[in-house]
């Protein structure tokens, strides 16, 4: 072989272990007590071809390529919590949110919680939207004692995350909101315990019921630091609450639910939403259990430079037709065919 002849080597990157946190079958509606978690999966081996000229190689190029490959294969688990109940736009909302979640790179777990029982309609929507791993849970709280059913539905999801020690970023995604795909990628930037930043927050745009104008609610930011909160004539009556955030305007590290020592929490009491407070105070009192102050928060994106969540009041003017009535949390129709 000539001294200056080019050689060709194939470097095979060994199998890497990646933690997927949840491998519930995509087309199964698992029960709370039967949810299994498998922590390990193996990536398909990735091959890179390196051309060696004159018997030498560029090790720096190889290292950079390997680093880029690892960065593109690992994502933080997103745990999306959605309370749902029977109403005219339920199927539309759930399908719309499911199609949004399909666009998010895995791993992602969608926890949908209903009151009383798993409705066949919701189960069918979840099964038909393949590509999204989900868990369909039930809240059995007595409806006569409930001020806000969504509070108890979210608490069922929080208990599930705590019981199964799911490690990821928790986000309360109500089905009626509209979400930018970029929002979910931004959530994965919430930092780890080493920086004490366990909580990400952002602006939410709310279209008022009159549809004449939109209001912005959420943090005022300087870079990634929270330095204040937006208020308006609607939230001014709640000016004494500690944090002026929307339920869909924040996400947090799930380990704070089940690993209090890691986060130096002063109490081991479970973190839950409270049903004894109204309006925005529910959000504020919940956040007070997760963080001590704004120094443990970070703004997403930097300087809150764009809106990634929109809340629209499109349902209030569209009630069920007069011929429809509610029975066992499902819709029954009594209408003449003539």
Protein backbone atom coordinates (compact mmCIF):
# COMPACT_ATOMS: atom_id res chain seq x y z
CA UNK A 1 0.00 0.00 0.00
CA UNK A 2 1.28 3.43 -0.91
CA UNK A 3 2.35 5.70 1.98
CA UNK A 4 0.03 8.48 0.79
CA UNK A 5 -2.94 6.27 -0.05
CA UNK A 6 -6.20 7.26 1.72
CA UNK A 7 -7.70 4.85 4.22
CA UNK A 8 -11.37 4.55 5.19
CA UNK A 9 -12.41 3.51 8.70
CA UNK A 10 -15.89 3.08 10.08
CA UNK A 11 -16.31 4.04 13.73
CA UNK A 12 -19.37 2.48 15.33
CA UNK A 13 -20.72 4.36 18.35
CA UNK A 14 -21.61 1.82 21.08
CA UNK A 15 -25.11 1.41 22.43
CA UNK A 16 -26.08 4.16 24.87
CA UNK A 17 -28.59 3.86 27.66
CA UNK A 18 -31.31 6.50 27.75
CA UNK A 19 -33.94 6.86 30.44
CA UNK A 20 -37.39 7.01 28.92
CA UNK A 21 -39.18 6.94 32.28
CA UNK A 22 -42.41 5.54 30.89
CA UNK A 23 -43.24 2.90 28.34
CA UNK A 24 -46.96 2.44 28.74
CA UNK A 25 -48.38 0.96 25.48
CA UNK A 26 -49.66 3.69 23.24
CA UNK A 27 -53.04 2.15 22.54
CA UNK A 28 -53.96 1.00 26.04
CA UNK A 29 -55.88 2.84 28.74
CA UNK A 30 -54.06 1.73 31.90
CA UNK A 31 -55.55 1.93 35.39
CA UNK A 32 -53.85 3.90 38.13
CA UNK A 33 -52.82 0.83 40.09
CA UNK A 34 -51.48 -1.03 37.07
CA UNK A 35 -49.17 1.66 35.69
CA UNK A 36 -45.73 0.18 35.18
CA UNK A 37 -42.60 2.17 34.55
CA UNK A 38 -39.62 0.84 32.67
CA UNK A 39 -36.58 3.02 33.07
CA UNK A 40 -34.26 1.65 30.42
CA UNK A 41 -34.23 1.43 26.66
CA UNK A 42 -31.46 1.00 24.13
CA UNK A 43 -30.86 3.32 21.23
CA UNK A 44 -30.26 1.99 17.74
CA UNK A 45 -26.51 2.14 17.06
CA UNK A 46 -25.50 5.17 15.06
CA UNK A 47 -22.65 4.93 12.54
CA UNK A 48 -20.29 7.66 11.45
CA UNK A 49 -17.79 7.34 8.63
CA UNK A 50 -14.41 8.98 9.13
CA UNK A 51 -12.07 9.49 6.22
CA UNK A 52 -8.40 9.24 7.15
CA UNK A 53 -6.01 11.02 4.87
CA UNK A 54 -2.29 10.19 4.91
CA UNK A 55 -2.82 7.90 7.91
CA UNK A 56 -4.01 10.68 10.32
CA UNK A 57 -7.39 11.50 11.87
CA UNK A 58 -9.10 14.55 13.37
CA UNK A 59 -10.00 13.41 16.91
CA UNK A 60 -11.57 16.78 17.71
CA UNK A 61 -14.07 16.33 14.88
CA UNK A 62 -14.99 12.88 16.16
CA UNK A 63 -15.54 14.17 19.71
CA UNK A 64 -17.73 17.04 18.49
CA UNK A 65 -19.82 14.68 16.37
CA UNK A 66 -20.34 12.28 19.27
CA UNK A 67 -21.35 15.14 21.57
CA UNK A 68 -23.85 16.49 19.05
CA UNK A 69 -25.29 13.01 18.59
CA UNK A 70 -25.81 12.57 22.34
CA UNK A 71 -27.41 16.01 22.68
CA UNK A 72 -29.95 15.24 19.97
CA UNK A 73 -31.07 11.90 21.43
CA UNK A 74 -31.83 12.86 25.04
CA UNK A 75 -34.84 14.93 26.07
CA UNK A 76 -36.31 15.57 29.48
CA UNK A 77 -39.61 13.78 30.09
CA UNK A 78 -42.62 16.11 29.82
CA UNK A 79 -45.61 15.21 32.02
CA UNK A 80 -48.70 16.96 30.64
CA UNK A 81 -51.73 17.01 32.98
CA UNK A 82 -55.17 17.68 31.48
CA UNK A 83 -58.47 17.63 33.40
CA UNK A 84 -61.43 16.92 31.13
CA UNK A 85 -65.21 16.74 31.43
CA UNK A 86 -68.22 16.35 29.14
CA UNK A 87 -69.25 19.53 27.32
CA UNK A 88 -70.01 20.61 23.74
CA UNK A 89 -66.39 21.26 22.72
CA UNK A 90 -64.73 18.41 24.63
CA UNK A 91 -63.93 16.21 21.61
CA UNK A 92 -62.68 19.20 19.63
CA UNK A 93 -60.45 20.39 22.48
CA UNK A 94 -58.95 16.98 23.23
CA UNK A 95 -58.26 16.20 19.57
CA UNK A 96 -56.67 19.59 19.04
CA UNK A 97 -54.39 19.18 22.05
CA UNK A 98 -53.54 15.60 21.03
CA UNK A 99 -52.44 16.77 17.59
CA UNK A 100 -50.24 19.42 19.21
CA UNK A 101 -48.63 16.88 21.53
CA UNK A 102 -47.90 14.60 18.56
CA UNK A 103 -45.49 17.26 17.29
CA UNK A 104 -43.40 17.21 20.49
CA UNK A 105 -40.27 14.99 20.46
CA UNK A 106 -40.54 12.17 23.02
CA UNK A 107 -40.45 11.31 25.83
CA UNK A 108 -43.83 12.78 26.72
CA UNK A 109 -46.56 11.42 29.00
CA UNK A 110 -50.10 12.80 28.75
CA UNK A 111 -52.17 12.31 31.91
CA UNK A 112 -55.88 12.89 31.27
CA UNK A 113 -58.16 12.89 34.33
CA UNK A 114 -61.96 12.61 34.33
CA UNK A 115 -64.53 12.75 37.13
CA UNK A 116 -66.37 9.64 38.27
CA UNK A 117 -65.48 7.24 35.47
CA UNK A 118 -63.56 6.88 32.24
CA UNK A 119 -65.95 7.96 29.52
CA UNK A 120 -65.87 5.80 26.36
CA UNK A 121 -65.71 8.95 24.22
CA UNK A 122 -62.55 10.24 25.91
CA UNK A 123 -60.95 6.78 25.89
CA UNK A 124 -61.65 6.50 22.16
CA UNK A 125 -60.06 9.90 21.46
CA UNK A 126 -56.93 8.91 23.38
CA UNK A 127 -56.67 5.56 21.58
CA UNK A 128 -57.18 7.03 18.12
CA UNK A 129 -54.47 9.65 18.57
CA UNK A 130 -51.59 7.22 18.27
CA UNK A 131 -48.10 8.55 18.87
CA UNK A 132 -48.84 10.05 22.30
CA UNK A 133 -48.21 7.92 25.40
CA UNK A 134 -51.04 8.54 27.84
CA UNK A 135 -52.59 7.52 31.13
CA UNK A 136 -56.35 7.87 31.58
CA UNK A 137 -57.14 8.42 35.27
CA UNK A 138 -60.32 8.94 37.29
CA UNK A 139 -61.10 11.27 40.19
CA UNK A 140 -63.70 9.74 42.52
CA UNK A 141 -64.27 12.83 44.65
CA UNK A 142 -67.88 13.48 45.67
CA UNK A 143 -69.13 16.22 43.36
CA UNK A 144 -71.44 17.71 46.00
CA UNK A 145 -68.42 18.88 48.02
CA UNK A 146 -66.49 20.36 45.12
CA UNK A 147 -66.07 24.04 44.27
CA UNK A 148 -63.73 23.44 41.32
CA UNK A 149 -63.54 19.90 39.95
CA UNK A 150 -60.37 20.65 38.00
CA UNK A 151 -58.53 21.19 41.31
CA UNK A 152 -59.25 17.61 42.39
CA UNK A 153 -58.52 16.22 38.94
CA UNK A 154 -55.09 17.85 38.91
CA UNK A 155 -54.45 16.57 42.43
CA UNK A 156 -55.17 13.01 41.27
CA UNK A 157 -52.48 13.47 38.62
CA UNK A 158 -50.03 14.92 41.18
CA UNK A 159 -50.64 11.95 43.47
CA UNK A 160 -50.02 9.59 40.55
CA UNK A 161 -46.74 11.31 39.69
CA UNK A 162 -45.66 11.18 43.34
CA UNK A 163 -46.65 7.53 43.83
CA UNK A 164 -44.81 6.35 40.72
CA UNK A 165 -41.90 8.77 41.21
CA UNK A 166 -42.06 10.02 37.64
CA UNK A 167 -39.04 12.21 36.87
CA UNK A 168 -39.75 15.04 34.44
CA UNK A 169 -41.31 18.47 33.98
CA UNK A 170 -44.95 18.81 35.07
CA UNK A 171 -47.29 21.12 33.14
CA UNK A 172 -51.02 21.74 33.66
CA UNK A 173 -52.33 21.95 30.08
CA UNK A 174 -56.06 22.65 30.04
CA UNK A 175 -57.60 21.33 26.85
CA UNK A 176 -59.28 24.60 25.86
CA UNK A 177 -56.02 26.57 25.53
CA UNK A 178 -53.98 26.94 22.35
CA UNK A 179 -50.28 26.08 22.67
CA UNK A 180 -47.22 26.81 20.59
CA UNK A 181 -45.07 23.75 19.95
CA UNK A 182 -42.08 25.82 21.05
CA UNK A 183 -43.57 26.08 24.56
CA UNK A 184 -42.90 22.41 25.24
CA UNK A 185 -39.32 22.66 24.04
CA UNK A 186 -38.81 25.69 26.28
CA UNK A 187 -40.02 23.66 29.28
CA UNK A 188 -37.16 21.24 28.82
CA UNK A 189 -34.76 24.10 29.56
CA UNK A 190 -35.92 24.30 33.19
CA UNK A 191 -32.69 23.80 35.09
CA UNK A 192 -31.65 21.15 37.54
CA UNK A 193 -31.18 21.23 41.31
CA UNK A 194 -27.58 22.49 41.06
CA UNK A 195 -28.84 25.94 40.04
CA UNK A 196 -31.82 26.01 42.46
CA UNK A 197 -34.07 26.85 39.50
CA UNK A 198 -36.90 24.33 39.69
CA UNK A 199 -39.68 26.38 38.14
CA UNK A 200 -40.26 28.01 34.74
CA UNK A 201 -42.89 30.64 34.00
CA UNK A 202 -44.10 32.62 30.98
CA UNK A 203 -46.76 34.99 29.69
CA UNK A 204 -50.32 33.90 28.84
CA UNK A 205 -52.55 35.89 26.49
CA UNK A 206 -56.23 35.88 27.44
CA UNK A 207 -58.90 36.95 24.99
CA UNK A 208 -61.71 38.54 26.99
CA UNK A 209 -65.25 37.25 26.58
CA UNK A 210 -66.21 40.41 24.74
CA UNK A 211 -63.52 39.45 22.18
CA UNK A 212 -62.63 43.12 21.98
CA UNK A 213 -59.15 42.90 23.49
CA UNK A 214 -56.54 40.58 24.94
CA UNK A 215 -54.89 40.74 28.36
CA UNK A 216 -51.42 39.54 29.24
CA UNK A 217 -50.83 37.78 32.53
CA UNK A 218 -47.56 36.45 33.86
CA UNK A 219 -44.04 37.51 34.82
CA UNK A 220 -42.06 40.64 34.03
CA UNK A 221 -38.60 39.48 33.06
CA UNK A 222 -35.03 40.71 32.83
CA UNK A 223 -33.32 38.03 30.80
CA UNK A 224 -34.32 34.82 32.57
CA UNK A 225 -34.93 36.54 35.93
CA UNK A 226 -38.43 37.25 37.22
CA UNK A 227 -38.52 40.84 38.49
CA UNK A 228 -42.29 41.40 38.78
CA UNK A 229 -45.75 40.42 37.58
CA UNK A 230 -48.22 41.85 35.09
CA UNK A 231 -51.55 42.88 36.61
CA UNK A 232 -54.67 44.48 35.14
CA UNK A 233 -58.16 45.53 36.19
CA UNK A 234 -59.23 41.87 36.27
CA UNK A 235 -56.39 40.68 38.51
CA UNK A 236 -56.22 43.88 40.57
CA UNK A 237 -58.87 42.50 42.92
CA UNK A 238 -56.38 39.72 43.65
CA UNK A 239 -53.50 42.10 44.25
CA UNK A 240 -52.80 40.57 47.66
CA UNK A 241 -51.90 37.17 46.20
CA UNK A 242 -48.18 36.39 46.19
CA UNK A 243 -47.66 35.24 42.59
CA UNK A 244 -49.69 36.53 39.62
CA UNK A 245 -49.36 33.56 37.30
CA UNK A 246 -51.89 31.61 35.25
CA UNK A 247 -52.45 27.87 35.69
CA UNK A 248 -51.15 27.39 32.15
CA UNK A 249 -48.28 29.83 32.71
CA UNK A 250 -45.78 27.69 34.58
CA UNK A 251 -44.12 24.25 34.80
CA UNK A 252 -41.90 22.65 37.43
CA UNK A 253 -39.57 19.75 38.13
CA UNK A 254 -41.61 16.72 39.23
CA UNK A 255 -39.01 15.47 41.71
CA UNK A 256 -40.04 18.18 44.17
CA UNK A 257 -43.28 16.21 44.63
CA UNK A 258 -41.58 13.03 45.84
CA UNK A 259 -38.01 13.95 46.81
CA UNK A 260 -38.24 16.81 49.38
CA UNK A 261 -34.72 16.22 50.73
CA UNK A 262 -33.21 16.84 47.31
CA UNK A 263 -34.84 20.25 47.17
CA UNK A 264 -34.42 21.06 50.89
CA UNK A 265 -38.14 21.44 51.40
CA UNK A 266 -38.96 22.39 55.01
CA UNK A 267 -41.96 20.03 55.11
CA UNK A 268 -42.84 16.58 53.81
CA UNK A 269 -46.51 17.48 53.36
CA UNK A 270 -47.69 16.60 49.83
CA UNK A 271 -47.86 19.47 47.36
CA UNK A 272 -51.44 19.88 46.19
CA UNK A 273 -53.87 22.47 44.85
CA UNK A 274 -56.26 23.82 47.49
CA UNK A 275 -60.01 23.75 46.99
CA UNK A 276 -60.63 26.28 49.78
CA UNK A 277 -59.43 29.32 47.83
CA UNK A 278 -60.85 31.02 44.77
CA UNK A 279 -59.62 32.25 41.42
CA UNK A 280 -55.99 33.16 41.02
CA UNK A 281 -55.30 32.41 44.68
CA UNK A 282 -55.40 28.70 43.81
CA UNK A 283 -52.43 29.17 41.50
CA UNK A 284 -50.56 31.41 43.92
CA UNK A 285 -50.98 29.11 46.93
CA UNK A 286 -49.81 26.15 44.85
CA UNK A 287 -46.71 27.98 43.61
CA UNK A 288 -45.90 28.97 47.21
CA UNK A 289 -45.53 25.26 47.97
CA UNK A 290 -43.08 24.76 45.08
CA UNK A 291 -40.79 27.80 45.38
CA UNK A 292 -39.83 30.25 48.11
CA UNK A 293 -39.57 33.34 45.90
CA UNK A 294 -38.77 34.56 42.39
CA UNK A 295 -35.07 33.70 42.73
CA UNK A 296 -36.02 30.04 42.25
CA UNK A 297 -37.89 30.81 39.01
CA UNK A 298 -36.76 31.45 35.47
CA UNK A 299 -38.52 33.20 32.60
CA UNK A 300 -39.18 31.30 29.39
CA UNK A 301 -38.29 32.34 26.79
CA UNK A 302 -35.64 34.90 27.68
CA UNK A 303 -37.20 38.31 28.44
CA UNK A 304 -40.62 36.70 27.80
CA UNK A 305 -40.11 37.81 24.22
CA UNK A 306 -43.10 35.99 22.74
CA UNK A 307 -46.48 34.52 23.65
CA UNK A 308 -46.67 30.72 23.62
CA UNK A 309 -50.10 30.14 25.26
CA UNK A 310 -53.46 31.63 24.32
CA UNK A 311 -56.65 31.33 26.37
CA UNK A 312 -59.85 31.89 24.36
CA UNK A 313 -63.41 32.17 25.65
CA UNK A 314 -65.08 30.50 22.69
CA UNK A 315 -67.27 28.10 24.64
CA UNK A 316 -69.40 30.37 26.82
CA UNK A 317 -71.67 31.34 23.93
CA UNK A 318 -72.13 27.75 22.72
CA UNK A 319 -74.24 25.81 25.26
CA UNK A 320 -75.75 22.40 24.61
CA UNK A 321 -78.91 22.49 22.47
CA UNK A 322 -82.15 22.52 24.46
CA UNK A 323 -82.88 18.91 23.46
CA UNK A 324 -79.68 17.66 25.17
CA UNK A 325 -79.30 16.87 28.84
CA UNK A 326 -76.57 15.53 31.13
CA UNK A 327 -76.80 12.04 32.63
CA UNK A 328 -73.97 10.40 34.57
CA UNK A 329 -71.51 12.97 33.22
CA UNK A 330 -72.36 12.00 29.63
CA UNK A 331 -74.52 13.72 27.04
CA UNK A 332 -77.84 12.21 26.12
CA UNK A 333 -79.91 13.51 23.21
CA UNK A 334 -83.69 13.56 23.04
CA UNK A 335 -84.78 15.09 19.78
CA UNK A 336 -87.59 14.52 17.34
CA UNK A 337 -86.61 13.07 13.97
CA UNK A 338 -89.44 14.96 12.25
